[in-house]
Structure formats: structure tokens, C-alpha cells
Amino acid sequence: DEGRLRLRRSYTFEFSDTGDNRRDGAIVMLGGELQDMQLEPH
């Protein structure tokens, strides 16, 4: 937000809403801070 250049790292993960399925999620870190998180509809 201040215009400084940072490393943007994206990660994926899996979660379950019923215990017997796998759904996808994603996390984006900008520097050391959480920038965005998405969970597949469940």
C-alpha cells in the first residue's frame, strides 16, 4: 500500500467441510502480511 516492493507468495491448501471430501483454498502473503485468502465454496 505504501508503494514498497515486496515478495508476493501464494500458497494452496485443502480443507474439508464434511470430513470426507477435499476442497481447495488459497492464501496470498505480501511480505510477511496476509494479503488475500480464498476458500472454495462449501
ModelCIF file with pLDDT and N, C-alpha, C, O atoms, coordinates in Angstrom:
data_MODEL
#
_entry.id   MODEL 
#
_entity.id                         1 
_entity.type                       polymer 
_entity.pdbx_number_of_molecules   1 
#
_entity_poly.entity_id                      1 
_entity_poly.type                           'polypeptide(L)' 
_entity_poly.nstd_linkage                   no 
_entity_poly.nstd_monomer                   no 
_entity_poly.pdbx_seq_one_letter_code       DEGRLRLRRSYTFEFSDTGDNRRDGAIVMLGGELQDMQLEPH 
_entity_poly.pdbx_seq_one_letter_code_can   DEGRLRLRRSYTFEFSDTGDNRRDGAIVMLGGELQDMQLEPH 
_entity_poly.pdbx_strand_id                 A 
#
loop_
_entity_poly_seq.entity_id 
_entity_poly_seq.num 
_entity_poly_seq.mon_id 
_entity_poly_seq.hetero 
1 1  ASP n 
1 2  GLU n 
1 3  GLY n 
1 4  ARG n 
1 5  LEU n 
1 6  ARG n 
1 7  LEU n 
1 8  ARG n 
1 9  ARG n 
1 10 SER n 
1 11 TYR n 
1 12 THR n 
1 13 PHE n 
1 14 GLU n 
1 15 PHE n 
1 16 SER n 
1 17 ASP n 
1 18 THR n 
1 19 GLY n 
1 20 ASP n 
1 21 ASN n 
1 22 ARG n 
1 23 ARG n 
1 24 ASP n 
1 25 GLY n 
1 26 ALA n 
1 27 ILE n 
1 28 VAL n 
1 29 MET n 
1 30 LEU n 
1 31 GLY n 
1 32 GLY n 
1 33 GLU n 
1 34 LEU n 
1 35 GLN n 
1 36 ASP n 
1 37 MET n 
1 38 GLN n 
1 39 LEU n 
1 40 GLU n 
1 41 PRO n 
1 42 HIS n 
#
_struct_asym.id          A 
_struct_asym.entity_id   1 
#
loop_
_ma_qa_metric.id 
_ma_qa_metric.mode 
_ma_qa_metric.name 
_ma_qa_metric.software_group_id 
_ma_qa_metric.type 
1 global pLDDT . pLDDT 
2 local  pLDDT . pLDDT 
#
_ma_qa_metric_global.metric_id      1 
_ma_qa_metric_global.metric_value   92.67 
_ma_qa_metric_global.model_id       1 
_ma_qa_metric_global.ordinal_id     1 
#
loop_
_ma_qa_metric_local.label_asym_id 
_ma_qa_metric_local.label_comp_id 
_ma_qa_metric_local.label_seq_id 
_ma_qa_metric_local.metric_id 
_ma_qa_metric_local.metric_value 
_ma_qa_metric_local.model_id 
_ma_qa_metric_local.ordinal_id 
A ASP 1  2 92.00 1 1  
A GLU 2  2 93.00 1 2  
A GLY 3  2 93.00 1 3  
A ARG 4  2 94.00 1 4  
A LEU 5  2 96.00 1 5  
A ARG 6  2 95.00 1 6  
A LEU 7  2 95.00 1 7  
A ARG 8  2 97.00 1 8  
A ARG 9  2 97.00 1 9  
A SER 10 2 97.00 1 10 
A TYR 11 2 97.00 1 11 
A THR 12 2 97.00 1 12 
A PHE 13 2 97.00 1 13 
A GLU 14 2 95.00 1 14 
A PHE 15 2 94.00 1 15 
A SER 16 2 93.00 1 16 
A ASP 17 2 87.00 1 17 
A THR 18 2 85.00 1 18 
A GLY 19 2 82.00 1 19 
A ASP 20 2 87.00 1 20 
A ASN 21 2 91.00 1 21 
A ARG 22 2 93.00 1 22 
A ARG 23 2 93.00 1 23 
A ASP 24 2 95.00 1 24 
A GLY 25 2 95.00 1 25 
A ALA 26 2 97.00 1 26 
A ILE 27 2 97.00 1 27 
A VAL 28 2 97.00 1 28 
A MET 29 2 96.00 1 29 
A LEU 30 2 96.00 1 30 
A GLY 31 2 90.00 1 31 
A GLY 32 2 87.00 1 32 
A GLU 33 2 92.00 1 33 
A LEU 34 2 94.00 1 34 
A GLN 35 2 95.00 1 35 
A ASP 36 2 95.00 1 36 
A MET 37 2 95.00 1 37 
A GLN 38 2 94.00 1 38 
A LEU 39 2 92.00 1 39 
A GLU 40 2 89.00 1 40 
A PRO 41 2 84.00 1 41 
A HIS 42 2 72.00 1 42 
#
loop_
_atom_site.group_PDB 
_atom_site.id 
_atom_site.type_symbol 
_atom_site.label_atom_id 
_atom_site.label_alt_id 
_atom_site.label_comp_id 
_atom_site.label_asym_id 
_atom_site.label_entity_id 
_atom_site.label_seq_id 
_atom_site.pdbx_PDB_ins_code 
_atom_site.Cartn_x 
_atom_site.Cartn_y 
_atom_site.Cartn_z 
_atom_site.occupancy 
_atom_site.B_iso_or_equiv 
_atom_site.pdbx_formal_charge 
_atom_site.auth_seq_id 
_atom_site.auth_comp_id 
_atom_site.auth_asym_id 
_atom_site.auth_atom_id 
_atom_site.pdbx_PDB_model_num 
ATOM 1   N N  . ASP A 1 1  ? 0.808   -1.223  0.000  1.00 92.00 ? 1  ASP A N  1 
ATOM 2   C CA . ASP A 1 1  ? 0.000   0.000   0.000  1.00 92.00 ? 1  ASP A CA 1 
ATOM 3   C C  . ASP A 1 1  ? 0.840   1.273   0.000  1.00 92.00 ? 1  ASP A C  1 
ATOM 4   O O  . ASP A 1 1  ? 0.395   2.314   -0.482 1.00 92.00 ? 1  ASP A O  1 
ATOM 5   N N  . GLU A 1 2  ? 2.058   1.188   0.542  1.00 93.00 ? 2  GLU A N  1 
ATOM 6   C CA . GLU A 1 2  ? 2.942   2.350   0.564  1.00 93.00 ? 2  GLU A CA 1 
ATOM 7   C C  . GLU A 1 2  ? 3.822   2.426   -0.679 1.00 93.00 ? 2  GLU A C  1 
ATOM 8   O O  . GLU A 1 2  ? 4.654   3.327   -0.786 1.00 93.00 ? 2  GLU A O  1 
ATOM 9   N N  . GLY A 1 3  ? 3.656   1.506   -1.611 1.00 93.00 ? 3  GLY A N  1 
ATOM 10  C CA . GLY A 1 3  ? 4.426   1.517   -2.837 1.00 93.00 ? 3  GLY A CA 1 
ATOM 11  C C  . GLY A 1 3  ? 5.770   0.819   -2.751 1.00 93.00 ? 3  GLY A C  1 
ATOM 12  O O  . GLY A 1 3  ? 6.549   0.871   -3.702 1.00 93.00 ? 3  GLY A O  1 
ATOM 13  N N  . ARG A 1 4  ? 6.062   0.166   -1.629 1.00 94.00 ? 4  ARG A N  1 
ATOM 14  C CA . ARG A 1 4  ? 7.327   -0.556  -1.481 1.00 94.00 ? 4  ARG A CA 1 
ATOM 15  C C  . ARG A 1 4  ? 7.247   -1.900  -2.184 1.00 94.00 ? 4  ARG A C  1 
ATOM 16  O O  . ARG A 1 4  ? 6.201   -2.548  -2.194 1.00 94.00 ? 4  ARG A O  1 
ATOM 17  N N  . LEU A 1 5  ? 8.350   -2.306  -2.764 1.00 96.00 ? 5  LEU A N  1 
ATOM 18  C CA . LEU A 1 5  ? 8.433   -3.587  -3.456 1.00 96.00 ? 5  LEU A CA 1 
ATOM 19  C C  . LEU A 1 5  ? 8.583   -4.708  -2.436 1.00 96.00 ? 5  LEU A C  1 
ATOM 20  O O  . LEU A 1 5  ? 9.464   -4.658  -1.577 1.00 96.00 ? 5  LEU A O  1 
ATOM 21  N N  . ARG A 1 6  ? 7.721   -5.721  -2.531 1.00 95.00 ? 6  ARG A N  1 
ATOM 22  C CA . ARG A 1 6  ? 7.713   -6.849  -1.598 1.00 95.00 ? 6  ARG A CA 1 
ATOM 23  C C  . ARG A 1 6  ? 7.632   -8.157  -2.380 1.00 95.00 ? 6  ARG A C  1 
ATOM 24  O O  . ARG A 1 6  ? 7.282   -8.172  -3.561 1.00 95.00 ? 6  ARG A O  1 
ATOM 25  N N  . LEU A 1 7  ? 7.959   -9.246  -1.704 1.00 95.00 ? 7  LEU A N  1 
ATOM 26  C CA . LEU A 1 7  ? 7.749   -10.562 -2.290 1.00 95.00 ? 7  LEU A CA 1 
ATOM 27  C C  . LEU A 1 7  ? 6.303   -10.968 -2.046 1.00 95.00 ? 7  LEU A C  1 
ATOM 28  O O  . LEU A 1 7  ? 5.803   -10.883 -0.924 1.00 95.00 ? 7  LEU A O  1 
ATOM 29  N N  . ARG A 1 8  ? 5.641   -11.409 -3.103 1.00 97.00 ? 8  ARG A N  1 
ATOM 30  C CA . ARG A 1 8  ? 4.255   -11.874 -3.012 1.00 97.00 ? 8  ARG A CA 1 
ATOM 31  C C  . ARG A 1 8  ? 4.292   -13.386 -3.199 1.00 97.00 ? 8  ARG A C  1 
ATOM 32  O O  . ARG A 1 8  ? 4.610   -13.886 -4.278 1.00 97.00 ? 8  ARG A O  1 
ATOM 33  N N  . ARG A 1 9  ? 3.960   -14.104 -2.124 1.00 97.00 ? 9  ARG A N  1 
ATOM 34  C CA . ARG A 1 9  ? 3.989   -15.566 -2.154 1.00 97.00 ? 9  ARG A CA 1 
ATOM 35  C C  . ARG A 1 9  ? 2.561   -16.097 -2.109 1.00 97.00 ? 9  ARG A C  1 
ATOM 36  O O  . ARG A 1 9  ? 1.743   -15.642 -1.310 1.00 97.00 ? 9  ARG A O  1 
ATOM 37  N N  . SER A 1 10 ? 2.273   -17.058 -2.970 1.00 97.00 ? 10 SER A N  1 
ATOM 38  C CA . SER A 1 10 ? 0.961   -17.694 -2.978 1.00 97.00 ? 10 SER A CA 1 
ATOM 39  C C  . SER A 1 10 ? 1.108   -19.136 -2.494 1.00 97.00 ? 10 SER A C  1 
ATOM 40  O O  . SER A 1 10 ? 2.062   -19.832 -2.842 1.00 97.00 ? 10 SER A O  1 
ATOM 41  N N  . TYR A 1 11 ? 0.151   -19.562 -1.692 1.00 97.00 ? 11 TYR A N  1 
ATOM 42  C CA . TYR A 1 11 ? 0.116   -20.912 -1.150 1.00 97.00 ? 11 TYR A CA 1 
ATOM 43  C C  . TYR A 1 11 ? -1.260  -21.507 -1.395 1.00 97.00 ? 11 TYR A C  1 
ATOM 44  O O  . TYR A 1 11 ? -2.252  -20.783 -1.477 1.00 97.00 ? 11 TYR A O  1 
ATOM 45  N N  . THR A 1 12 ? -1.315  -22.815 -1.510 1.00 97.00 ? 12 THR A N  1 
ATOM 46  C CA . THR A 1 12 ? -2.592  -23.511 -1.604 1.00 97.00 ? 12 THR A CA 1 
ATOM 47  C C  . THR A 1 12 ? -2.707  -24.457 -0.414 1.00 97.00 ? 12 THR A C  1 
ATOM 48  O O  . THR A 1 12 ? -1.705  -24.842 0.189  1.00 97.00 ? 12 THR A O  1 
ATOM 49  N N  . PHE A 1 13 ? -3.937  -24.821 -0.090 1.00 97.00 ? 13 PHE A N  1 
ATOM 50  C CA . PHE A 1 13 ? -4.182  -25.795 0.966  1.00 97.00 ? 13 PHE A CA 1 
ATOM 51  C C  . PHE A 1 13 ? -5.507  -26.480 0.682  1.00 97.00 ? 13 PHE A C  1 
ATOM 52  O O  . PHE A 1 13 ? -6.277  -26.045 -0.175 1.00 97.00 ? 13 PHE A O  1 
ATOM 53  N N  . GLU A 1 14 ? -5.759  -27.548 1.405  1.00 95.00 ? 14 GLU A N  1 
ATOM 54  C CA . GLU A 1 14 ? -7.016  -28.263 1.255  1.00 95.00 ? 14 GLU A CA 1 
ATOM 55  C C  . GLU A 1 14 ? -7.723  -28.301 2.591  1.00 95.00 ? 14 GLU A C  1 
ATOM 56  O O  . GLU A 1 14 ? -7.098  -28.383 3.649  1.00 95.00 ? 14 GLU A O  1 
ATOM 57  N N  . PHE A 1 15 ? -9.056  -28.239 2.517  1.00 94.00 ? 15 PHE A N  1 
ATOM 58  C CA . PHE A 1 15 ? -9.870  -28.318 3.719  1.00 94.00 ? 15 PHE A CA 1 
ATOM 59  C C  . PHE A 1 15 ? -11.077 -29.189 3.422  1.00 94.00 ? 15 PHE A C  1 
ATOM 60  O O  . PHE A 1 15 ? -11.379 -29.487 2.267  1.00 94.00 ? 15 PHE A O  1 
ATOM 61  N N  . SER A 1 16 ? -11.759 -29.590 4.484  1.00 93.00 ? 16 SER A N  1 
ATOM 62  C CA . SER A 1 16 ? -12.956 -30.411 4.328  1.00 93.00 ? 16 SER A CA 1 
ATOM 63  C C  . SER A 1 16 ? -14.082 -29.802 5.137  1.00 93.00 ? 16 SER A C  1 
ATOM 64  O O  . SER A 1 16 ? -13.890 -29.385 6.279  1.00 93.00 ? 16 SER A O  1 
ATOM 65  N N  . ASP A 1 17 ? -15.269 -29.756 4.528  1.00 87.00 ? 17 ASP A N  1 
ATOM 66  C CA . ASP A 1 17 ? -16.437 -29.251 5.255  1.00 87.00 ? 17 ASP A CA 1 
ATOM 67  C C  . ASP A 1 17 ? -17.283 -30.388 5.811  1.00 87.00 ? 17 ASP A C  1 
ATOM 68  O O  . ASP A 1 17 ? -18.125 -30.158 6.679  1.00 87.00 ? 17 ASP A O  1 
ATOM 69  N N  . THR A 1 18 ? -17.073 -31.618 5.327  1.00 85.00 ? 18 THR A N  1 
ATOM 70  C CA . THR A 1 18 ? -17.863 -32.751 5.802  1.00 85.00 ? 18 THR A CA 1 
ATOM 71  C C  . THR A 1 18 ? -17.016 -33.825 6.457  1.00 85.00 ? 18 THR A C  1 
ATOM 72  O O  . THR A 1 18 ? -17.552 -34.704 7.132  1.00 85.00 ? 18 THR A O  1 
ATOM 73  N N  . GLY A 1 19 ? -15.716 -33.775 6.274  1.00 82.00 ? 19 GLY A N  1 
ATOM 74  C CA . GLY A 1 19 ? -14.828 -34.793 6.818  1.00 82.00 ? 19 GLY A CA 1 
ATOM 75  C C  . GLY A 1 19 ? -14.501 -35.890 5.820  1.00 82.00 ? 19 GLY A C  1 
ATOM 76  O O  . GLY A 1 19 ? -13.582 -36.677 6.051  1.00 82.00 ? 19 GLY A O  1 
ATOM 77  N N  . ASP A 1 20 ? -15.240 -35.960 4.704  1.00 87.00 ? 20 ASP A N  1 
ATOM 78  C CA . ASP A 1 20 ? -14.959 -36.996 3.715  1.00 87.00 ? 20 ASP A CA 1 
ATOM 79  C C  . ASP A 1 20 ? -14.786 -36.423 2.300  1.00 87.00 ? 20 ASP A C  1 
ATOM 80  O O  . ASP A 1 20 ? -14.973 -37.133 1.312  1.00 87.00 ? 20 ASP A O  1 
ATOM 81  N N  . ASN A 1 21 ? -14.436 -35.162 2.212  1.00 91.00 ? 21 ASN A N  1 
ATOM 82  C CA . ASN A 1 21 ? -14.172 -34.552 0.913  1.00 91.00 ? 21 ASN A CA 1 
ATOM 83  C C  . ASN A 1 21 ? -12.982 -33.607 1.033  1.00 91.00 ? 21 ASN A C  1 
ATOM 84  O O  . ASN A 1 21 ? -12.518 -33.303 2.132  1.00 91.00 ? 21 ASN A O  1 
ATOM 85  N N  . ARG A 1 22 ? -12.505 -33.155 -0.104 1.00 93.00 ? 22 ARG A N  1 
ATOM 86  C CA . ARG A 1 22 ? -11.394 -32.207 -0.129 1.00 93.00 ? 22 ARG A CA 1 
ATOM 87  C C  . ARG A 1 22 ? -11.806 -31.009 -0.966 1.00 93.00 ? 22 ARG A C  1 
ATOM 88  O O  . ARG A 1 22 ? -12.284 -31.153 -2.091 1.00 93.00 ? 22 ARG A O  1 
ATOM 89  N N  . ARG A 1 23 ? -11.616 -29.837 -0.406 1.00 93.00 ? 23 ARG A N  1 
ATOM 90  C CA . ARG A 1 23 ? -11.890 -28.589 -1.115 1.00 93.00 ? 23 ARG A CA 1 
ATOM 91  C C  . ARG A 1 23 ? -10.599 -27.774 -1.105 1.00 93.00 ? 23 ARG A C  1 
ATOM 92  O O  . ARG A 1 23 ? -9.730  -27.968 -0.255 1.00 93.00 ? 23 ARG A O  1 
ATOM 93  N N  . ASP A 1 24 ? -10.492 -26.856 -2.071 1.00 95.00 ? 24 ASP A N  1 
ATOM 94  C CA . ASP A 1 24 ? -9.262  -26.076 -2.227 1.00 95.00 ? 24 ASP A CA 1 
ATOM 95  C C  . ASP A 1 24 ? -9.373  -24.697 -1.590 1.00 95.00 ? 24 ASP A C  1 
ATOM 96  O O  . ASP A 1 24 ? -10.439 -24.081 -1.564 1.00 95.00 ? 24 ASP A O  1 
ATOM 97  N N  . GLY A 1 25 ? -8.248  -24.239 -1.081 1.00 95.00 ? 25 GLY A N  1 
ATOM 98  C CA . GLY A 1 25 ? -8.133  -22.889 -0.564 1.00 95.00 ? 25 GLY A CA 1 
ATOM 99  C C  . GLY A 1 25 ? -6.822  -22.286 -1.037 1.00 95.00 ? 25 GLY A C  1 
ATOM 100 O O  . GLY A 1 25 ? -5.914  -23.004 -1.456 1.00 95.00 ? 25 GLY A O  1 
ATOM 101 N N  . ALA A 1 26 ? -6.729  -20.967 -0.969 1.00 97.00 ? 26 ALA A N  1 
ATOM 102 C CA . ALA A 1 26 ? -5.514  -20.269 -1.390 1.00 97.00 ? 26 ALA A CA 1 
ATOM 103 C C  . ALA A 1 26 ? -5.236  -19.112 -0.447 1.00 97.00 ? 26 ALA A C  1 
ATOM 104 O O  . ALA A 1 26 ? -6.155  -18.459 0.048  1.00 97.00 ? 26 ALA A O  1 
ATOM 105 N N  . ILE A 1 27 ? -3.976  -18.874 -0.212 1.00 97.00 ? 27 ILE A N  1 
ATOM 106 C CA . ILE A 1 27 ? -3.527  -17.786 0.661  1.00 97.00 ? 27 ILE A CA 1 
ATOM 107 C C  . ILE A 1 27 ? -2.460  -17.000 -0.086 1.00 97.00 ? 27 ILE A C  1 
ATOM 108 O O  . ILE A 1 27 ? -1.584  -17.591 -0.718 1.00 97.00 ? 27 ILE A O  1 
ATOM 109 N N  . VAL A 1 28 ? -2.523  -15.681 -0.022 1.00 97.00 ? 28 VAL A N  1 
ATOM 110 C CA . VAL A 1 28 ? -1.512  -14.812 -0.622 1.00 97.00 ? 28 VAL A CA 1 
ATOM 111 C C  . VAL A 1 28 ? -0.896  -13.973 0.487  1.00 97.00 ? 28 VAL A C  1 
ATOM 112 O O  . VAL A 1 28 ? -1.593  -13.278 1.226  1.00 97.00 ? 28 VAL A O  1 
ATOM 113 N N  . MET A 1 29 ? 0.419   -14.055 0.586  1.00 96.00 ? 29 MET A N  1 
ATOM 114 C CA . MET A 1 29 ? 1.169   -13.270 1.563  1.00 96.00 ? 29 MET A CA 1 
ATOM 115 C C  . MET A 1 29 ? 1.971   -12.218 0.807  1.00 96.00 ? 29 MET A C  1 
ATOM 116 O O  . MET A 1 29 ? 2.660   -12.534 -0.164 1.00 96.00 ? 29 MET A O  1 
ATOM 117 N N  . LEU A 1 30 ? 1.882   -10.968 1.252  1.00 96.00 ? 30 LEU A N  1 
ATOM 118 C CA . LEU A 1 30 ? 2.676   -9.887  0.683  1.00 96.00 ? 30 LEU A CA 1 
ATOM 119 C C  . LEU A 1 30 ? 3.683   -9.481  1.750  1.00 96.00 ? 30 LEU A C  1 
ATOM 120 O O  . LEU A 1 30 ? 3.326   -8.901  2.775  1.00 96.00 ? 30 LEU A O  1 
ATOM 121 N N  . GLY A 1 31 ? 4.939   -9.796  1.491  1.00 90.00 ? 31 GLY A N  1 
ATOM 122 C CA . GLY A 1 31 ? 5.924   -9.654  2.550  1.00 90.00 ? 31 GLY A CA 1 
ATOM 123 C C  . GLY A 1 31 ? 5.579   -10.672 3.622  1.00 90.00 ? 31 GLY A C  1 
ATOM 124 O O  . GLY A 1 31 ? 5.456   -11.862 3.330  1.00 90.00 ? 31 GLY A O  1 
ATOM 125 N N  . GLY A 1 32 ? 5.425   -10.226 4.841  1.00 87.00 ? 32 GLY A N  1 
ATOM 126 C CA . GLY A 1 32 ? 5.041   -11.122 5.923  1.00 87.00 ? 32 GLY A CA 1 
ATOM 127 C C  . GLY A 1 32 ? 3.583   -11.002 6.319  1.00 87.00 ? 32 GLY A C  1 
ATOM 128 O O  . GLY A 1 32 ? 3.159   -11.584 7.318  1.00 87.00 ? 32 GLY A O  1 
ATOM 129 N N  . GLU A 1 33 ? 2.811   -10.250 5.545  1.00 92.00 ? 33 GLU A N  1 
ATOM 130 C CA . GLU A 1 33 ? 1.421   -9.981  5.901  1.00 92.00 ? 33 GLU A CA 1 
ATOM 131 C C  . GLU A 1 33 ? 0.453   -10.712 4.969  1.00 92.00 ? 33 GLU A C  1 
ATOM 132 O O  . GLU A 1 33 ? 0.711   -10.883 3.778  1.00 92.00 ? 33 GLU A O  1 
ATOM 133 N N  . LEU A 1 34 ? -0.665  -11.134 5.553  1.00 94.00 ? 34 LEU A N  1 
ATOM 134 C CA . LEU A 1 34 ? -1.719  -11.761 4.775  1.00 94.00 ? 34 LEU A CA 1 
ATOM 135 C C  . LEU A 1 34 ? -2.360  -10.722 3.865  1.00 94.00 ? 34 LEU A C  1 
ATOM 136 O O  . LEU A 1 34 ? -2.826  -9.683  4.334  1.00 94.00 ? 34 LEU A O  1 
ATOM 137 N N  . GLN A 1 35 ? -2.384  -10.999 2.572  1.00 95.00 ? 35 GLN A N  1 
ATOM 138 C CA . GLN A 1 35 ? -2.999  -10.086 1.618  1.00 95.00 ? 35 GLN A CA 1 
ATOM 139 C C  . GLN A 1 35 ? -4.371  -10.577 1.188  1.00 95.00 ? 35 GLN A C  1 
ATOM 140 O O  . GLN A 1 35 ? -5.295  -9.779  1.035  1.00 95.00 ? 35 GLN A O  1 
ATOM 141 N N  . ASP A 1 36 ? -4.514  -11.887 0.991  1.00 95.00 ? 36 ASP A N  1 
ATOM 142 C CA . ASP A 1 36 ? -5.776  -12.420 0.490  1.00 95.00 ? 36 ASP A CA 1 
ATOM 143 C C  . ASP A 1 36 ? -5.903  -13.883 0.879  1.00 95.00 ? 36 ASP A C  1 
ATOM 144 O O  . ASP A 1 36 ? -4.907  -14.594 1.017  1.00 95.00 ? 36 ASP A O  1 
ATOM 145 N N  . MET A 1 37 ? -7.150  -14.322 1.055  1.00 95.00 ? 37 MET A N  1 
ATOM 146 C CA . MET A 1 37 ? -7.425  -15.730 1.309  1.00 95.00 ? 37 MET A CA 1 
ATOM 147 C C  . MET A 1 37 ? -8.720  -16.091 0.614  1.00 95.00 ? 37 MET A C  1 
ATOM 148 O O  . MET A 1 37 ? -9.686  -15.329 0.650  1.00 95.00 ? 37 MET A O  1 
ATOM 149 N N  . GLN A 1 38 ? -8.740  -17.251 -0.018 1.00 94.00 ? 38 GLN A N  1 
ATOM 150 C CA . GLN A 1 38 ? -9.938  -17.714 -0.698 1.00 94.00 ? 38 GLN A CA 1 
ATOM 151 C C  . GLN A 1 38 ? -10.185 -19.165 -0.330 1.00 94.00 ? 38 GLN A C  1 
ATOM 152 O O  . GLN A 1 38 ? -9.257  -19.969 -0.255 1.00 94.00 ? 38 GLN A O  1 
ATOM 153 N N  . LEU A 1 39 ? -11.456 -19.487 -0.100 1.00 92.00 ? 39 LEU A N  1 
ATOM 154 C CA . LEU A 1 39 ? -11.865 -20.864 0.146  1.00 92.00 ? 39 LEU A CA 1 
ATOM 155 C C  . LEU A 1 39 ? -12.902 -21.241 -0.899 1.00 92.00 ? 39 LEU A C  1 
ATOM 156 O O  . LEU A 1 39 ? -13.816 -20.470 -1.193 1.00 92.00 ? 39 LEU A O  1 
ATOM 157 N N  . GLU A 1 40 ? -12.750 -22.426 -1.451 1.00 89.00 ? 40 GLU A N  1 
ATOM 158 C CA . GLU A 1 40 ? -13.728 -22.917 -2.422 1.00 89.00 ? 40 GLU A CA 1 
ATOM 159 C C  . GLU A 1 40 ? -15.099 -22.928 -1.756 1.00 89.00 ? 40 GLU A C  1 
ATOM 160 O O  . GLU A 1 40 ? -15.198 -23.222 -0.565 1.00 89.00 ? 40 GLU A O  1 
ATOM 161 N N  . PRO A 1 41 ? -16.155 -22.615 -2.497 1.00 84.00 ? 41 PRO A N  1 
ATOM 162 C CA . PRO A 1 41 ? -17.496 -22.622 -1.906 1.00 84.00 ? 41 PRO A CA 1 
ATOM 163 C C  . PRO A 1 41 ? -17.795 -23.976 -1.239 1.00 84.00 ? 41 PRO A C  1 
ATOM 164 O O  . PRO A 1 41 ? -17.485 -25.040 -1.775 1.00 84.00 ? 41 PRO A O  1 
ATOM 165 N N  . HIS A 1 42 ? -18.408 -23.894 -0.052 1.00 72.00 ? 42 HIS A N  1 
ATOM 166 C CA . HIS A 1 42 ? -18.717 -25.099 0.715  1.00 72.00 ? 42 HIS A CA 1 
ATOM 167 C C  . HIS A 1 42 ? -19.964 -24.845 1.559  1.00 72.00 ? 42 HIS A C  1 
ATOM 168 O O  . HIS A 1 42 ? -20.406 -25.732 2.289  1.00 72.00 ? 42 HIS A O  1 
#
